[in-house]
Every structure is written in structure tokens, then in C-alpha cells.
Amino acid sequence: MRILIALFLLLILNAAKAEVVSPTFKSSKSLVGVVNDPSDVDFSPDGTKIFISGFSGLNIKQFTVTTPFDITTIDTSSVVTLNLNSGDDAINTHMQGFAFNDDGTKIFAISNAATTKSMSVHTLTTAYDLSSASQDADDEKNWHTYLDPLGGGAGVTQRDIEFNNDG
């Protein structure tokens, strides 16, 4: 009886092995001369817009994607640029990443440098449309001090920003 149970368990465990899948390269799209030093990328939920931030460009660019989620159909002539290097809560160096809230009506961008860490928040009156952006008031938070409370550069080095399911 023990041999039968062991054989049964062996068959079940063998059948339950996870399938190993290797990634397959699909396509690429050159944005040389269009986006300077890309640092982050995101799609709108329907895949018809792609957003790319530039590390040295200090901006986020929005492009139309003709076929949803197909980067070969990015229309570079449709660019909308959100300048992060202006306003009360400007990002003036080392643009790292950005994220939208759950409904696409706010965009949060972060920067990271040895002496400057910052977050800039913009409200979008039309979801996932950078042309409708307006900068929120300065949060008055010194992010460099907040993320490096002991000083000396040993604090948190942020590279991207993400939200959990409930924001």
C-alpha cells in the first residue's frame, strides 16, 4: 500500500511541475534623438499611449501607439512633453521614474542625486493625457532629508516609484 501511495504522489508531483518558458524577442523601436537617456516607461491601460521619461531630459514624453502595446507603431510626431524642470516642486537633476495613480489622473515623478532628491506631482484633468497636466502645490517636504535621515548619503536611493493596488 505504501508503494502505491508513493507512486501516486510521485505521479502527481511530476505532473504539477511548472512549465519553463523562455522570453521571445518580438520587436524594438529606436527613439534616438527623440528621448534623451530613457529612465522609465509605462503604457496607458488600453495600450494606445506610451510614456517615457528622460534621465537628462527632465521630462516625460507621451506618444500615441497606433496598435495597442505594439512599440513598432509609436507615432513620434504625436509627442506631448511634460516638463518637470519648472514650477514650485521642480525636478532639476537625475530624473529616475514616474507612476500614475490608479485612474490616471495624477502622475508622480522622482529624481535622485547625491544632494537632491525630489518628487513632483501633477494632476491630469483627462486621464493619461499629459497635455492636461497642472503641477500640484509643493509638498514642502525635503525629500533629501526624509530619505537620508542620518545624512552622509547612506539613505534610500530611489530609482522608481510604484503603488500598491489601493494606492
Foldseek 3Di string as FASTA:
>chain_A
DVVVVVVVVVVVVVVPDDDDDDDDDDDDDDCVVLAAQWAEKDADPQQQKIWTHHQQQQKIKIFGAPPGPDVVRTDSVRIDIDHQQDDDFRDDHGWAEKDAPPQQQKMKTWGFDQQATGIWMWGAPDGPDSVRTDTDHDPPDRVVCVQCVPDPSPGDGDRYDDDPPVD
